Amino acid sequence: MITKTLENLVKHAEAWPREDQEELADYARVIEARRTGLYATSETERRAVTAGLAEADHGTFVDEDTVRAADIRRRL
């Protein structure tokens, strides 16, 4: 059963810009992963992983600072 607070938040979120909705979904995926032990990647994450693997195949890597900045766990 969904709480009234969450129900209201979702209703409001429908009017948010797509970027903000995606951010909320990212937080929800992290919570779901913590609860289940399984993390479902977003389409954006899948594209980034595919691009990263292609770069690795070509010997192209990003620096440590870029990796730290992209780590969502540091923003939670």
N, C-alpha and C. Protein backbone atom coordinates (compact mmCIF):
# COMPACT_ATOMS: atom_id res chain seq x y z
N MET A 1 0.84 -1.18 0.00
CA MET A 1 0.00 0.00 0.00
C MET A 1 0.89 1.24 0.00
N ILE A 2 0.58 2.19 -0.82
CA ILE A 2 1.35 3.43 -0.94
C ILE A 2 0.90 4.43 0.12
N THR A 3 1.86 5.12 0.73
CA THR A 3 1.50 6.12 1.73
C THR A 3 0.92 7.35 1.02
N LYS A 4 0.15 8.11 1.74
CA LYS A 4 -0.45 9.33 1.17
C LYS A 4 0.65 10.31 0.76
N THR A 5 1.70 10.40 1.56
CA THR A 5 2.80 11.31 1.24
C THR A 5 3.44 10.94 -0.09
N LEU A 6 3.73 9.66 -0.27
CA LEU A 6 4.35 9.22 -1.51
C LEU A 6 3.39 9.41 -2.69
N GLU A 7 2.13 9.09 -2.48
CA GLU A 7 1.13 9.27 -3.53
C GLU A 7 1.08 10.74 -3.98
N ASN A 8 1.07 11.67 -3.03
CA ASN A 8 1.04 13.10 -3.36
C ASN A 8 2.32 13.53 -4.08
N LEU A 9 3.44 13.02 -3.63
CA LEU A 9 4.71 13.35 -4.26
C LEU A 9 4.74 12.90 -5.71
N VAL A 10 4.28 11.69 -5.96
CA VAL A 10 4.27 11.17 -7.33
C VAL A 10 3.35 12.02 -8.21
N LYS A 11 2.21 12.41 -7.68
CA LYS A 11 1.30 13.28 -8.45
C LYS A 11 1.98 14.60 -8.81
N HIS A 12 2.68 15.20 -7.86
CA HIS A 12 3.38 16.45 -8.13
C HIS A 12 4.52 16.23 -9.11
N ALA A 13 5.21 15.12 -8.97
CA ALA A 13 6.36 14.83 -9.82
C ALA A 13 5.97 14.69 -11.28
N GLU A 14 4.74 14.34 -11.55
CA GLU A 14 4.28 14.22 -12.94
C GLU A 14 4.43 15.54 -13.70
N ALA A 15 4.40 16.65 -12.97
CA ALA A 15 4.52 17.97 -13.60
C ALA A 15 5.97 18.47 -13.64
N TRP A 16 6.88 17.74 -13.03
CA TRP A 16 8.28 18.14 -13.01
C TRP A 16 8.92 17.96 -14.38
N PRO A 17 10.00 18.67 -14.63
CA PRO A 17 10.76 18.43 -15.86
C PRO A 17 11.32 17.00 -15.86
N ARG A 18 11.52 16.47 -17.05
CA ARG A 18 12.00 15.10 -17.20
C ARG A 18 13.28 14.85 -16.39
N GLU A 19 14.19 15.82 -16.41
CA GLU A 19 15.46 15.66 -15.69
C GLU A 19 15.22 15.43 -14.20
N ASP A 20 14.29 16.17 -13.60
CA ASP A 20 13.98 16.00 -12.19
C ASP A 20 13.29 14.66 -11.92
N GLN A 21 12.42 14.23 -12.82
CA GLN A 21 11.78 12.93 -12.68
C GLN A 21 12.82 11.81 -12.73
N GLU A 22 13.79 11.95 -13.63
CA GLU A 22 14.85 10.94 -13.72
C GLU A 22 15.69 10.91 -12.43
N GLU A 23 15.93 12.08 -11.86
CA GLU A 23 16.69 12.14 -10.60
C GLU A 23 15.93 11.41 -9.49
N LEU A 24 14.63 11.64 -9.41
CA LEU A 24 13.82 10.95 -8.41
C LEU A 24 13.86 9.43 -8.64
N ALA A 25 13.78 9.02 -9.89
CA ALA A 25 13.84 7.59 -10.22
C ALA A 25 15.19 7.01 -9.83
N ASP A 26 16.27 7.78 -10.00
CA ASP A 26 17.60 7.31 -9.59
C ASP A 26 17.63 7.02 -8.09
N TYR A 27 17.08 7.92 -7.30
CA TYR A 27 17.03 7.71 -5.85
C TYR A 27 16.21 6.47 -5.51
N ALA A 28 15.09 6.30 -6.19
CA ALA A 28 14.24 5.13 -5.94
C ALA A 28 14.97 3.84 -6.30
N ARG A 29 15.75 3.84 -7.39
CA ARG A 29 16.52 2.65 -7.76
C ARG A 29 17.55 2.31 -6.70
N VAL A 30 18.17 3.31 -6.11
CA VAL A 30 19.16 3.06 -5.05
C VAL A 30 18.47 2.44 -3.83
N ILE A 31 17.32 2.96 -3.46
CA ILE A 31 16.58 2.40 -2.32
C ILE A 31 16.16 0.96 -2.63
N GLU A 32 15.65 0.72 -3.82
CA GLU A 32 15.23 -0.62 -4.20
C GLU A 32 16.42 -1.59 -4.18
N ALA A 33 17.55 -1.13 -4.65
CA ALA A 33 18.76 -1.97 -4.64
C ALA A 33 19.17 -2.31 -3.21
N ARG A 34 19.09 -1.34 -2.33
CA ARG A 34 19.43 -1.58 -0.93
C ARG A 34 18.49 -2.62 -0.31
N ARG A 35 17.22 -2.56 -0.67
CA ARG A 35 16.22 -3.46 -0.11
C ARG A 35 16.30 -4.87 -0.70
N THR A 36 16.64 -4.97 -1.98
CA THR A 36 16.59 -6.27 -2.66
C THR A 36 17.97 -6.86 -2.96
N GLY A 37 18.99 -6.00 -2.95
CA GLY A 37 20.31 -6.46 -3.34
C GLY A 37 20.49 -6.47 -4.85
N LEU A 38 19.50 -6.01 -5.58
CA LEU A 38 19.57 -5.94 -7.05
C LEU A 38 19.38 -4.51 -7.50
N TYR A 39 20.24 -4.06 -8.40
CA TYR A 39 20.14 -2.69 -8.90
C TYR A 39 19.73 -2.73 -10.36
N ALA A 40 18.65 -2.05 -10.69
CA ALA A 40 18.16 -1.97 -12.07
C ALA A 40 18.70 -0.69 -12.69
N THR A 41 19.50 -0.83 -13.73
CA THR A 41 20.09 0.35 -14.36
C THR A 41 19.06 1.09 -15.20
N SER A 42 19.27 2.39 -15.30
CA SER A 42 18.42 3.21 -16.17
C SER A 42 18.95 3.12 -17.60
N GLU A 43 18.16 3.57 -18.53
CA GLU A 43 18.60 3.59 -19.93
C GLU A 43 19.85 4.45 -20.08
N THR A 44 19.91 5.58 -19.39
CA THR A 44 21.07 6.45 -19.44
C THR A 44 22.31 5.73 -18.93
N GLU A 45 22.16 4.99 -17.84
CA GLU A 45 23.29 4.23 -17.29
C GLU A 45 23.74 3.14 -18.25
N ARG A 46 22.78 2.45 -18.89
CA ARG A 46 23.14 1.40 -19.85
C ARG A 46 23.92 1.98 -21.02
N ARG A 47 23.49 3.13 -21.51
CA ARG A 47 24.22 3.77 -22.62
C ARG A 47 25.62 4.17 -22.18
N ALA A 48 25.74 4.69 -20.95
CA ALA A 48 27.05 5.10 -20.45
C ALA A 48 27.98 3.90 -20.28
N VAL A 49 27.44 2.79 -19.79
CA VAL A 49 28.26 1.58 -19.64
C VAL A 49 28.73 1.09 -21.00
N THR A 50 27.83 1.07 -21.98
CA THR A 50 28.19 0.64 -23.33
C THR A 50 29.29 1.53 -23.91
N ALA A 51 29.13 2.84 -23.73
CA ALA A 51 30.14 3.77 -24.23
C ALA A 51 31.47 3.57 -23.50
N GLY A 52 31.41 3.35 -22.19
CA GLY A 52 32.62 3.14 -21.40
C GLY A 52 33.35 1.87 -21.80
N LEU A 53 32.60 0.81 -22.07
CA LEU A 53 33.22 -0.43 -22.52
C LEU A 53 33.90 -0.25 -23.88
N ALA A 54 33.25 0.50 -24.76
CA ALA A 54 33.85 0.77 -26.07
C ALA A 54 35.14 1.58 -25.91
N GLU A 55 35.13 2.57 -25.01
CA GLU A 55 36.34 3.36 -24.75
C GLU A 55 37.45 2.48 -24.18
N ALA A 56 37.08 1.58 -23.27
CA ALA A 56 38.08 0.68 -22.69
C ALA A 56 38.67 -0.23 -23.76
N ASP A 57 37.82 -0.70 -24.67
CA ASP A 57 38.31 -1.53 -25.78
C ASP A 57 39.35 -0.79 -26.62
N HIS A 58 39.20 0.54 -26.67
CA HIS A 58 40.14 1.36 -27.44
C HIS A 58 41.27 1.93 -26.58
N GLY A 59 41.30 1.56 -25.30
CA GLY A 59 42.36 2.02 -24.40
C GLY A 59 42.18 3.43 -23.91
N THR A 60 40.95 3.96 -24.00
CA THR A 60 40.66 5.32 -23.55
C THR A 60 40.00 5.25 -22.17
N PHE A 61 40.57 5.92 -21.19
CA PHE A 61 40.02 5.90 -19.84
C PHE A 61 39.88 7.32 -19.31
N VAL A 62 38.96 7.50 -18.34
CA VAL A 62 38.77 8.81 -17.72
C VAL A 62 39.65 8.88 -16.48
N ASP A 63 39.91 10.12 -16.04
CA ASP A 63 40.75 10.30 -14.86
C ASP A 63 39.95 10.06 -13.58
N GLU A 64 40.65 9.89 -12.47
CA GLU A 64 40.03 9.59 -11.17
C GLU A 64 39.01 10.63 -10.75
N ASP A 65 39.29 11.92 -10.98
CA ASP A 65 38.36 12.98 -10.58
C ASP A 65 37.03 12.85 -11.29
N THR A 66 37.04 12.48 -12.56
CA THR A 66 35.80 12.30 -13.31
C THR A 66 35.00 11.13 -12.75
N VAL A 67 35.68 10.06 -12.39
CA VAL A 67 35.01 8.89 -11.81
C VAL A 67 34.37 9.27 -10.47
N ARG A 68 35.09 9.98 -9.63
CA ARG A 68 34.54 10.40 -8.33
C ARG A 68 33.31 11.29 -8.53
N ALA A 69 33.36 12.21 -9.48
CA ALA A 69 32.24 13.12 -9.72
C ALA A 69 31.00 12.38 -10.22
N ALA A 70 31.19 11.28 -10.92
CA ALA A 70 30.06 10.54 -11.48
C ALA A 70 29.46 9.53 -10.50
N ASP A 71 30.11 9.28 -9.39
CA ASP A 71 29.66 8.26 -8.45
C ASP A 71 28.43 8.75 -7.68
N ILE A 72 27.25 8.24 -8.01
CA ILE A 72 25.99 8.70 -7.42
C ILE A 72 25.97 8.45 -5.91
N ARG A 73 26.67 7.43 -5.44
CA ARG A 73 26.66 7.13 -4.00
C ARG A 73 27.24 8.29 -3.19
N ARG A 74 28.12 9.07 -3.78
CA ARG A 74 28.72 10.20 -3.06
C ARG A 74 27.75 11.36 -2.94
N ARG A 75 26.67 11.35 -3.76
CA ARG A 75 25.69 12.44 -3.73
C ARG A 75 24.52 12.13 -2.82
N LEU A 76 24.42 10.92 -2.31
CA LEU A 76 23.27 10.55 -1.48
C LEU A 76 23.50 10.85 -0.03
